[in-house]
């Protein structure tokens, strides 16, 4: 099996979807059981990391990654050809107000 993503101990619905997709593509998926990446896979070629802020911060140095923070409107900046939909940036407050109105 080819190397694939590592996922944090707190697996979310998105994490399950990503790991399932990776497995269907024949990739090895590692769900880490504690807040460290196992030594044997820390710098293996071709690995990737799916993580929230806490886990990423805890293991970034061990796997040789520098963390970047995306711009707030990064998704809205993607071309329609890539997303297949119109995306508009909103604040959390604007989002909550929109949900209440619907």
PDB file of N, CA and C in Angstrom:
ATOM      1  N   UNK A   1       0.830  -1.190   0.000  1.00  0.00           N
ATOM      2  CA  UNK A   1       0.000   0.000   0.000  1.00  0.00           C
ATOM      3  C   UNK A   1       0.868   1.245   0.000  1.00  0.00           C
ATOM      4  N   UNK A   2       0.441   2.250  -0.715  1.00  0.00           N
ATOM      5  CA  UNK A   2       1.164   3.518  -0.755  1.00  0.00           C
ATOM      6  C   UNK A   2       0.875   4.325   0.494  1.00  0.00           C
ATOM      7  N   UNK A   3       1.836   5.183   0.907  1.00  0.00           N
ATOM      8  CA  UNK A   3       1.585   6.033   2.080  1.00  0.00           C
ATOM      9  C   UNK A   3       0.395   6.944   1.839  1.00  0.00           C
ATOM     10  N   UNK A   4      -0.327   7.236   2.880  1.00  0.00           N
ATOM     11  CA  UNK A   4      -1.480   8.114   2.776  1.00  0.00           C
ATOM     12  C   UNK A   4      -1.549   9.033   3.967  1.00  0.00           C
ATOM     13  N   UNK A   5      -2.723   9.550   4.240  1.00  0.00           N
ATOM     14  CA  UNK A   5      -2.845  10.547   5.306  1.00  0.00           C
ATOM     15  C   UNK A   5      -2.808   9.945   6.709  1.00  0.00           C
ATOM     16  N   UNK A   6      -2.359  10.768   7.632  1.00  0.00           N
ATOM     17  CA  UNK A   6      -2.489  10.470   9.057  1.00  0.00           C
ATOM     18  C   UNK A   6      -3.573  11.387   9.579  1.00  0.00           C
ATOM     19  N   UNK A   7      -4.376  10.885  10.465  1.00  0.00           N
ATOM     20  CA  UNK A   7      -5.488  11.644  11.018  1.00  0.00           C
ATOM     21  C   UNK A   7      -5.338  11.709  12.533  1.00  0.00           C
ATOM     22  N   UNK A   8      -5.849  12.767  13.119  1.00  0.00           N
ATOM     23  CA  UNK A   8      -5.707  12.996  14.556  1.00  0.00           C
ATOM     24  C   UNK A   8      -6.554  12.024  15.373  1.00  0.00           C
ATOM     25  N   UNK A   9      -6.301  11.950  16.686  1.00  0.00           N
ATOM     26  CA  UNK A   9      -7.107  11.069  17.547  1.00  0.00           C
ATOM     27  C   UNK A   9      -8.584  11.452  17.582  1.00  0.00           C
ATOM     28  N   UNK A  10      -8.891  12.703  17.352  1.00  0.00           N
ATOM     29  CA  UNK A  10     -10.295  13.157  17.321  1.00  0.00           C
ATOM     30  C   UNK A  10     -10.787  13.159  15.887  1.00  0.00           C
ATOM     31  N   UNK A  11     -11.270  12.029  15.439  1.00  0.00           N
ATOM     32  CA  UNK A  11     -11.709  11.909  14.047  1.00  0.00           C
ATOM     33  C   UNK A  11     -13.118  12.482  13.908  1.00  0.00           C
ATOM     34  N   UNK A  12     -13.278  13.364  12.936  1.00  0.00           N
ATOM     35  CA  UNK A  12     -14.573  13.997  12.667  1.00  0.00           C
ATOM     36  C   UNK A  12     -15.231  13.322  11.468  1.00  0.00           C
ATOM     37  N   UNK A  13     -16.415  13.765  11.138  1.00  0.00           N
ATOM     38  CA  UNK A  13     -17.097  13.266   9.946  1.00  0.00           C
ATOM     39  C   UNK A  13     -16.275  13.504   8.690  1.00  0.00           C
ATOM     40  N   UNK A  14     -15.650  14.673   8.609  1.00  0.00           N
ATOM     41  CA  UNK A  14     -14.783  14.967   7.461  1.00  0.00           C
ATOM     42  C   UNK A  14     -13.580  14.040   7.460  1.00  0.00           C
ATOM     43  N   UNK A  15     -13.021  13.788   8.642  1.00  0.00           N
ATOM     44  CA  UNK A  15     -11.889  12.868   8.743  1.00  0.00           C
ATOM     45  C   UNK A  15     -12.250  11.471   8.267  1.00  0.00           C
ATOM     46  N   UNK A  16     -13.436  10.997   8.654  1.00  0.00           N
ATOM     47  CA  UNK A  16     -13.890   9.682   8.187  1.00  0.00           C
ATOM     48  C   UNK A  16     -14.031   9.668   6.665  1.00  0.00           C
ATOM     49  N   UNK A  17     -14.603  10.720   6.108  1.00  0.00           N
ATOM     50  CA  UNK A  17     -14.783  10.788   4.655  1.00  0.00           C
ATOM     51  C   UNK A  17     -13.433  10.774   3.934  1.00  0.00           C
ATOM     52  N   UNK A  18     -12.459  11.540   4.454  1.00  0.00           N
ATOM     53  CA  UNK A  18     -11.138  11.588   3.822  1.00  0.00           C
ATOM     54  C   UNK A  18     -10.405  10.257   3.939  1.00  0.00           C
ATOM     55  N   UNK A  19     -10.462   9.641   5.106  1.00  0.00           N
ATOM     56  CA  UNK A  19      -9.763   8.364   5.256  1.00  0.00           C
ATOM     57  C   UNK A  19     -10.424   7.271   4.417  1.00  0.00           C
ATOM     58  N   UNK A  20     -11.754   7.267   4.330  1.00  0.00           N
ATOM     59  CA  UNK A  20     -12.443   6.296   3.472  1.00  0.00           C
ATOM     60  C   UNK A  20     -12.037   6.476   2.009  1.00  0.00           C
ATOM     61  N   UNK A  21     -11.989   7.746   1.554  1.00  0.00           N
ATOM     62  CA  UNK A  21     -11.599   8.028   0.168  1.00  0.00           C
ATOM     63  C   UNK A  21     -10.162   7.585  -0.088  1.00  0.00           C
ATOM     64  N   UNK A  22      -9.273   7.833   0.865  1.00  0.00           N
ATOM     65  CA  UNK A  22      -7.873   7.415   0.704  1.00  0.00           C
ATOM     66  C   UNK A  22      -7.761   5.901   0.615  1.00  0.00           C
ATOM     67  N   UNK A  23      -8.487   5.192   1.466  1.00  0.00           N
ATOM     68  CA  UNK A  23      -8.447   3.719   1.435  1.00  0.00           C
ATOM     69  C   UNK A  23      -8.980   3.175   0.111  1.00  0.00           C
ATOM     70  N   UNK A  24     -10.048   3.785  -0.413  1.00  0.00           N
ATOM     71  CA  UNK A  24     -10.589   3.346  -1.703  1.00  0.00           C
ATOM     72  C   UNK A  24      -9.567   3.532  -2.823  1.00  0.00           C
ATOM     73  N   UNK A  25      -8.650   4.459  -2.642  1.00  0.00           N
ATOM     74  CA  UNK A  25      -7.604   4.713  -3.641  1.00  0.00           C
ATOM     75  C   UNK A  25      -6.337   3.908  -3.370  1.00  0.00           C
ATOM     76  N   UNK A  26      -6.427   2.994  -2.420  1.00  0.00           N
ATOM     77  CA  UNK A  26      -5.300   2.119  -2.139  1.00  0.00           C
ATOM     78  C   UNK A  26      -4.208   2.737  -1.286  1.00  0.00           C
ATOM     79  N   UNK A  27      -4.523   3.792  -0.553  1.00  0.00           N
ATOM     80  CA  UNK A  27      -3.544   4.437   0.317  1.00  0.00           C
ATOM     81  C   UNK A  27      -3.652   3.889   1.732  1.00  0.00           C
ATOM     82  N   UNK A  28      -2.525   3.812   2.389  1.00  0.00           N
ATOM     83  CA  UNK A  28      -2.502   3.417   3.802  1.00  0.00           C
ATOM     84  C   UNK A  28      -2.929   4.622   4.631  1.00  0.00           C
ATOM     85  N   UNK A  29      -3.862   4.432   5.535  1.00  0.00           N
ATOM     86  CA  UNK A  29      -4.345   5.503   6.411  1.00  0.00           C
ATOM     87  C   UNK A  29      -3.980   5.155   7.842  1.00  0.00           C
ATOM     88  N   UNK A  30      -3.445   6.129   8.537  1.00  0.00           N
ATOM     89  CA  UNK A  30      -3.060   5.934   9.926  1.00  0.00           C
ATOM     90  C   UNK A  30      -3.861   6.907  10.796  1.00  0.00           C
ATOM     91  N   UNK A  31      -4.686   6.364  11.688  1.00  0.00           N
ATOM     92  CA  UNK A  31      -5.382   7.196  12.669  1.00  0.00           C
ATOM     93  C   UNK A  31      -4.551   7.131  13.938  1.00  0.00           C
ATOM     94  N   UNK A  32      -3.952   8.248  14.287  1.00  0.00           N
ATOM     95  CA  UNK A  32      -3.033   8.311  15.409  1.00  0.00           C
ATOM     96  C   UNK A  32      -3.830   8.205  16.707  1.00  0.00           C
ATOM     97  N   UNK A  33      -3.354   7.391  17.630  1.00  0.00           N
ATOM     98  CA  UNK A  33      -4.088   7.129  18.871  1.00  0.00           C
ATOM     99  C   UNK A  33      -3.754   8.084  20.012  1.00  0.00           C
ATOM    100  N   UNK A  34      -2.641   8.804  19.906  1.00  0.00           N
ATOM    101  CA  UNK A  34      -2.338   9.817  20.921  1.00  0.00           C
ATOM    102  C   UNK A  34      -1.864  11.079  20.197  1.00  0.00           C
ATOM    103  N   UNK A  35      -1.353  12.026  20.912  1.00  0.00           N
ATOM    104  CA  UNK A  35      -1.026  13.325  20.329  1.00  0.00           C
ATOM    105  C   UNK A  35       0.385  13.386  19.761  1.00  0.00           C
ATOM    106  N   UNK A  36       0.886  12.233  19.281  1.00  0.00           N
ATOM    107  CA  UNK A  36       2.189  12.180  18.627  1.00  0.00           C
ATOM    108  C   UNK A  36       2.091  11.311  17.383  1.00  0.00           C
ATOM    109  N   UNK A  37       2.843  11.665  16.402  1.00  0.00           N
ATOM    110  CA  UNK A  37       2.939  10.830  15.205  1.00  0.00           C
ATOM    111  C   UNK A  37       3.963   9.737  15.500  1.00  0.00           C
ATOM    112  N   UNK A  38       3.648   8.465  15.229  1.00  0.00           N
ATOM    113  CA  UNK A  38       4.608   7.401  15.504  1.00  0.00           C
ATOM    114  C   UNK A  38       5.956   7.647  14.823  1.00  0.00           C
ATOM    115  N   UNK A  39       7.023   7.338  15.525  1.00  0.00           N
ATOM    116  CA  UNK A  39       8.382   7.615  15.048  1.00  0.00           C
ATOM    117  C   UNK A  39       8.631   7.016  13.672  1.00  0.00           C
ATOM    118  N   UNK A  40       8.174   5.786  13.438  1.00  0.00           N
ATOM    119  CA  UNK A  40       8.474   5.109  12.171  1.00  0.00           C
ATOM    120  C   UNK A  40       7.836   5.781  10.959  1.00  0.00           C
ATOM    121  N   UNK A  41       6.813   6.609  11.147  1.00  0.00           N
ATOM    122  CA  UNK A  41       6.176   7.247   9.985  1.00  0.00           C
ATOM    123  C   UNK A  41       6.303   8.762   9.999  1.00  0.00           C
ATOM    124  N   UNK A  42       7.154   9.290  10.841  1.00  0.00           N
ATOM    125  CA  UNK A  42       7.249  10.752  10.948  1.00  0.00           C
ATOM    126  C   UNK A  42       7.689  11.428   9.659  1.00  0.00           C
ATOM    127  N   UNK A  43       8.684  10.899   9.020  1.00  0.00           N
ATOM    128  CA  UNK A  43       9.193  11.554   7.816  1.00  0.00           C
ATOM    129  C   UNK A  43       9.166  10.640   6.596  1.00  0.00           C
ATOM    130  N   UNK A  44       8.239   9.710   6.580  1.00  0.00           N
ATOM    131  CA  UNK A  44       8.118   8.799   5.440  1.00  0.00           C
ATOM    132  C   UNK A  44       7.681   9.578   4.204  1.00  0.00           C
ATOM    133  N   UNK A  45       8.299   9.277   3.088  1.00  0.00           N
ATOM    134  CA  UNK A  45       7.973   9.970   1.839  1.00  0.00           C
ATOM    135  C   UNK A  45       6.525   9.707   1.450  1.00  0.00           C
ATOM    136  N   UNK A  46       5.846  10.737   0.994  1.00  0.00           N
ATOM    137  CA  UNK A  46       4.490  10.590   0.485  1.00  0.00           C
ATOM    138  C   UNK A  46       3.391  10.628   1.522  1.00  0.00           C
ATOM    139  N   UNK A  47       3.733  10.850   2.782  1.00  0.00           N
ATOM    140  CA  UNK A  47       2.678  10.909   3.792  1.00  0.00           C
ATOM    141  C   UNK A  47       2.092  12.309   3.852  1.00  0.00           C
ATOM    142  N   UNK A  48       0.911  12.396   4.385  1.00  0.00           N
ATOM    143  CA  UNK A  48       0.246  13.686   4.564  1.00  0.00           C
ATOM    144  C   UNK A  48      -0.439  13.673   5.922  1.00  0.00           C
ATOM    145  N   UNK A  49      -0.928  14.822   6.311  1.00  0.00           N
ATOM    146  CA  UNK A  49      -1.510  14.958   7.638  1.00  0.00           C
ATOM    147  C   UNK A  49      -2.834  15.692   7.529  1.00  0.00           C
ATOM    148  N   UNK A  50      -3.894  15.098   8.066  1.00  0.00           N
ATOM    149  CA  UNK A  50      -5.184  15.778   8.166  1.00  0.00           C
ATOM    150  C   UNK A  50      -5.390  16.035   9.645  1.00  0.00           C
ATOM    151  N   UNK A  51      -5.444  17.313  10.032  1.00  0.00           N
ATOM    152  CA  UNK A  51      -5.478  17.613  11.460  1.00  0.00           C
ATOM    153  C   UNK A  51      -6.122  18.958  11.730  1.00  0.00           C
ATOM    154  N   UNK A  52      -6.728  19.055  12.893  1.00  0.00           N
ATOM    155  CA  UNK A  52      -7.195  20.336  13.392  1.00  0.00           C
ATOM    156  C   UNK A  52      -6.012  21.100  13.984  1.00  0.00           C
ATOM    157  N   UNK A  53      -6.285  22.286  14.474  1.00  0.00           N
ATOM    158  CA  UNK A  53      -5.209  23.142  14.966  1.00  0.00           C
ATOM    159  C   UNK A  53      -4.416  22.535  16.109  1.00  0.00           C
ATOM    160  N   UNK A  54      -5.073  21.928  17.097  1.00  0.00           N
ATOM    161  CA  UNK A  54      -4.363  21.392  18.257  1.00  0.00           C
ATOM    162  C   UNK A  54      -3.422  20.252  17.877  1.00  0.00           C
ATOM    163  N   UNK A  55      -3.919  19.306  17.104  1.00  0.00           N
ATOM    164  CA  UNK A  55      -3.091  18.172  16.723  1.00  0.00           C
ATOM    165  C   UNK A  55      -1.981  18.607  15.776  1.00  0.00           C
ATOM    166  N   UNK A  56      -2.294  19.455  14.826  1.00  0.00           N
ATOM    167  CA  UNK A  56      -1.276  19.932  13.889  1.00  0.00           C
ATOM    168  C   UNK A  56      -0.151  20.632  14.633  1.00  0.00           C
ATOM    169  N   UNK A  57      -0.495  21.452  15.596  1.00  0.00           N
ATOM    170  CA  UNK A  57       0.514  22.151  16.380  1.00  0.00           C
ATOM    171  C   UNK A  57       1.372  21.163  17.177  1.00  0.00           C
ATOM    172  N   UNK A  58       0.744  20.103  17.675  1.00  0.00           N
ATOM    173  CA  UNK A  58       1.464  19.117  18.490  1.00  0.00           C
ATOM    174  C   UNK A  58       2.445  18.282  17.676  1.00  0.00           C
ATOM    175  N   UNK A  59       2.142  17.996  16.412  1.00  0.00           N
ATOM    176  CA  UNK A  59       2.988  17.082  15.643  1.00  0.00           C
ATOM    177  C   UNK A  59       3.742  17.721  14.487  1.00  0.00           C
ATOM    178  N   UNK A  60       3.497  18.969  14.174  1.00  0.00           N
ATOM    179  CA  UNK A  60       4.105  19.596  12.987  1.00  0.00           C
ATOM    180  C   UNK A  60       5.626  19.478  12.983  1.00  0.00           C
ATOM    181  N   UNK A  61       6.244  19.777  14.086  1.00  0.00           N
ATOM    182  CA  UNK A  61       7.699  19.701  14.151  1.00  0.00           C
ATOM    183  C   UNK A  61       8.215  18.290  13.954  1.00  0.00           C
ATOM    184  N   UNK A  62       7.519  17.303  14.522  1.00  0.00           N
ATOM    185  CA  UNK A  62       7.936  15.906  14.403  1.00  0.00           C
ATOM    186  C   UNK A  62       7.915  15.407  12.962  1.00  0.00           C
ATOM    187  N   UNK A  63       6.998  15.928  12.164  1.00  0.00           N
ATOM    188  CA  UNK A  63       6.883  15.448  10.787  1.00  0.00           C
ATOM    189  C   UNK A  63       7.525  16.401   9.788  1.00  0.00           C
ATOM    190  N   UNK A  64       8.197  17.429  10.303  1.00  0.00           N
ATOM    191  CA  UNK A  64       8.922  18.346   9.429  1.00  0.00           C
ATOM    192  C   UNK A  64       8.039  19.303   8.654  1.00  0.00           C
ATOM    193  N   UNK A  65       6.928  19.712   9.252  1.00  0.00           N
ATOM    194  CA  UNK A  65       6.016  20.636   8.578  1.00  0.00           C
ATOM    195  C   UNK A  65       6.023  21.999   9.252  1.00  0.00           C
ATOM    196  N   UNK A  66       5.833  23.025   8.464  1.00  0.00           N
ATOM    197  CA  UNK A  66       5.570  24.352   8.988  1.00  0.00           C
ATOM    198  C   UNK A  66       4.098  24.632   8.749  1.00  0.00           C
ATOM    199  N   UNK A  67       3.408  25.171   9.722  1.00  0.00           N
ATOM    200  CA  UNK A  67       1.977  25.403   9.591  1.00  0.00           C
ATOM    201  C   UNK A  67       1.706  26.759   8.959  1.00  0.00           C
ATOM    202  N   UNK A  68       0.729  26.796   8.101  1.00  0.00           N
ATOM    203  CA  UNK A  68       0.294  28.029   7.448  1.00  0.00           C
ATOM    204  C   UNK A  68      -1.159  28.268   7.814  1.00  0.00           C
ATOM    205  N   UNK A  69      -1.540  29.508   7.914  1.00  0.00           N
ATOM    206  CA  UNK A  69      -2.940  29.835   8.159  1.00  0.00           C
ATOM    207  C   UNK A  69      -3.505  30.452   6.884  1.00  0.00           C
ATOM    208  N   UNK A  70      -4.567  29.863   6.393  1.00  0.00           N
ATOM    209  CA  UNK A  70      -5.188  30.344   5.156  1.00  0.00           C
ATOM    210  C   UNK A  70      -5.901  31.665   5.399  1.00  0.00           C
ATOM    211  N   UNK A  71      -6.004  32.457   4.351  1.00  0.00           N
ATOM    212  CA  UNK A  71      -6.789  33.685   4.425  1.00  0.00           C
ATOM    213  C   UNK A  71      -8.246  33.334   4.676  1.00  0.00           C
ATOM    214  N   UNK A  72      -8.961  34.237   5.318  1.00  0.00           N
ATOM    215  CA  UNK A  72     -10.362  33.973   5.675  1.00  0.00           C
ATOM    216  C   UNK A  72     -11.224  33.694   4.447  1.00  0.00           C
ATOM    217  N   UNK A  73     -10.887  34.292   3.317  1.00  0.00           N
ATOM    218  CA  UNK A  73     -11.721  34.138   2.114  1.00  0.00           C
ATOM    219  C   UNK A  73     -11.096  33.209   1.073  1.00  0.00           C
ATOM    220  N   UNK A  74     -10.234  32.295   1.509  1.00  0.00           N
ATOM    221  CA  UNK A  74      -9.539  31.438   0.541  1.00  0.00           C
ATOM    222  C   UNK A  74     -10.498  30.632  -0.313  1.00  0.00           C
ATOM    223  N   UNK A  75     -11.566  30.128   0.278  1.00  0.00           N
ATOM    224  CA  UNK A  75     -12.505  29.308  -0.479  1.00  0.00           C
ATOM    225  C   UNK A  75     -13.257  30.147  -1.519  1.00  0.00           C
ATOM    226  N   UNK A  76     -13.634  31.352  -1.138  1.00  0.00           N
ATOM    227  CA  UNK A  76     -14.343  32.234  -2.067  1.00  0.00           C
ATOM    228  C   UNK A  76     -13.447  32.662  -3.234  1.00  0.00           C
ATOM    229  N   UNK A  77     -12.147  32.635  -3.046  1.00  0.00           N
ATOM    230  CA  UNK A  77     -11.207  33.034  -4.101  1.00  0.00           C
ATOM    231  C   UNK A  77     -10.989  31.942  -5.146  1.00  0.00           C
ATOM    232  N   UNK A  78     -11.385  30.723  -4.852  1.00  0.00           N
ATOM    233  CA  UNK A  78     -11.203  29.641  -5.820  1.00  0.00           C
ATOM    234  C   UNK A  78     -12.119  29.863  -7.024  1.00  0.00           C
ATOM    235  N   UNK A  79     -11.654  29.526  -8.212  1.00  0.00           N
ATOM    236  CA  UNK A  79     -12.484  29.727  -9.404  1.00  0.00           C
ATOM    237  C   UNK A  79     -13.697  28.794  -9.422  1.00  0.00           C
ATOM    238  N   UNK A  80     -14.761  29.280 -10.013  1.00  0.00           N
ATOM    239  CA  UNK A  80     -16.000  28.511 -10.135  1.00  0.00           C
ATOM    240  C   UNK A  80     -15.729  27.149 -10.780  1.00  0.00           C
ATOM    241  N   UNK A  81     -14.813  27.118 -11.758  1.00  0.00           N
ATOM    242  CA  UNK A  81     -14.471  25.870 -12.432  1.00  0.00           C
ATOM    243  C   UNK A  81     -14.010  24.796 -11.443  1.00  0.00           C
ATOM    244  N   UNK A  82     -13.366  25.223 -10.392  1.00  0.00           N
ATOM    245  CA  UNK A  82     -12.846  24.290  -9.403  1.00  0.00           C
ATOM    246  C   UNK A  82     -13.896  23.892  -8.367  1.00  0.00           C
ATOM    247  N   UNK A  83     -14.711  24.840  -7.920  1.00  0.00           N
ATOM    248  CA  UNK A  83     -15.678  24.559  -6.862  1.00  0.00           C
ATOM    249  C   UNK A  83     -17.026  24.072  -7.388  1.00  0.00           C
ATOM    250  N   UNK A  84     -17.391  24.508  -8.585  1.00  0.00           N
ATOM    251  CA  UNK A  84     -18.688  24.131  -9.142  1.00  0.00           C
ATOM    252  C   UNK A  84     -19.845  24.869  -8.494  1.00  0.00           C
ATOM    253  N   UNK A  85     -19.540  25.936  -7.750  1.00  0.00           N
ATOM    254  CA  UNK A  85     -20.587  26.725  -7.091  1.00  0.00           C
ATOM    255  C   UNK A  85     -20.057  28.120  -6.760  1.00  0.00           C
ATOM    256  N   UNK A  86     -20.969  29.021  -6.526  1.00  0.00           N
ATOM    257  CA  UNK A  86     -20.592  30.370  -6.086  1.00  0.00           C
ATOM    258  C   UNK A  86     -20.357  30.318  -4.580  1.00  0.00           C
ATOM    259  N   UNK A  87     -19.265  30.877  -4.121  1.00  0.00           N
ATOM    260  CA  UNK A  87     -18.937  30.896  -2.706  1.00  0.00           C
ATOM    261  C   UNK A  87     -18.716  32.343  -2.293  1.00  0.00           C
ATOM    262  N   UNK A  88     -19.396  32.764  -1.230  1.00  0.00           N
ATOM    263  CA  UNK A  88     -19.239  34.123  -0.705  1.00  0.00           C
ATOM    264  C   UNK A  88     -18.743  34.058   0.733  1.00  0.00           C
ATOM    265  N   UNK A  89     -17.740  34.875   1.056  1.00  0.00           N
ATOM    266  CA  UNK A  89     -17.263  34.877   2.444  1.00  0.00           C
ATOM    267  C   UNK A  89     -18.231  35.630   3.359  1.00  0.00           C
ATOM    268  N   UNK A  90     -18.449  35.098   4.535  1.00  0.00           N
ATOM    269  CA  UNK A  90     -19.292  35.731   5.544  1.00  0.00           C
ATOM    270  C   UNK A  90     -18.670  35.524   6.906  1.00  0.00           C
ATOM    271  N   UNK A  91     -18.985  36.410   7.807  1.00  0.00           N
ATOM    272  CA  UNK A  91     -18.531  36.241   9.185  1.00  0.00           C
ATOM    273  C   UNK A  91     -19.411  35.192   9.863  1.00  0.00           C
ATOM    274  N   UNK A  92     -18.955  34.621  10.985  1.00  0.00           N
ATOM    275  CA  UNK A  92     -19.814  33.677  11.718  1.00  0.00           C
ATOM    276  C   UNK A  92     -21.156  34.304  12.100  1.00  0.00           C
ATOM    277  N   UNK A  93     -21.133  35.562  12.469  1.00  0.00           N
ATOM    278  CA  UNK A  93     -22.384  36.236  12.844  1.00  0.00           C
ATOM    279  C   UNK A  93     -23.352  36.293  11.663  1.00  0.00           C
ATOM    280  N   UNK A  94     -22.847  36.656  10.484  1.00  0.00           N
ATOM    281  CA  UNK A  94     -23.694  36.681   9.292  1.00  0.00           C
ATOM    282  C   UNK A  94     -24.273  35.304   8.981  1.00  0.00           C
ATOM    283  N   UNK A  95     -23.477  34.275   9.180  1.00  0.00           N
ATOM    284  CA  UNK A  95     -23.943  32.903   8.942  1.00  0.00           C
ATOM    285  C   UNK A  95     -25.059  32.518   9.892  1.00  0.00           C
ATOM    286  N   UNK A  96     -24.892  32.858  11.176  1.00  0.00           N
ATOM    287  CA  UNK A  96     -25.938  32.524  12.152  1.00  0.00           C
ATOM    288  C   UNK A  96     -27.235  33.263  11.840  1.00  0.00           C
ATOM    289  N   UNK A  97     -27.141  34.522  11.425  1.00  0.00           N
ATOM    290  CA  UNK A  97     -28.339  35.286  11.083  1.00  0.00           C
ATOM    291  C   UNK A  97     -29.042  34.678   9.881  1.00  0.00           C
ATOM    292  N   UNK A  98     -28.278  34.217   8.898  1.00  0.00           N
ATOM    293  CA  UNK A  98     -28.868  33.609   7.706  1.00  0.00           C
ATOM    294  C   UNK A  98     -29.596  32.325   8.053  1.00  0.00           C
ATOM    295  N   UNK A  99     -29.034  31.534   8.971  1.00  0.00           N
ATOM    296  CA  UNK A  99     -29.681  30.272   9.377  1.00  0.00           C
ATOM    297  C   UNK A  99     -30.990  30.563  10.083  1.00  0.00           C
ATOM    298  N   UNK A 100     -31.002  31.567  10.945  1.00  0.00           N
ATOM    299  CA  UNK A 100     -32.244  31.912  11.670  1.00  0.00           C
ATOM    300  C   UNK A 100     -33.359  32.353  10.741  1.00  0.00           C
ATOM    301  N   UNK A 101     -33.001  33.057   9.642  1.00  0.00           N
ATOM    302  CA  UNK A 101     -34.007  33.552   8.705  1.00  0.00           C
ATOM    303  C   UNK A 101     -34.615  32.429   7.872  1.00  0.00           C
ATOM    304  N   UNK A 102     -33.882  31.357   7.648  1.00  0.00           N
ATOM    305  CA  UNK A 102     -34.393  30.314   6.750  1.00  0.00           C
ATOM    306  C   UNK A 102     -35.303  29.338   7.440  1.00  0.00           C
TER     307      UNK A 102
END
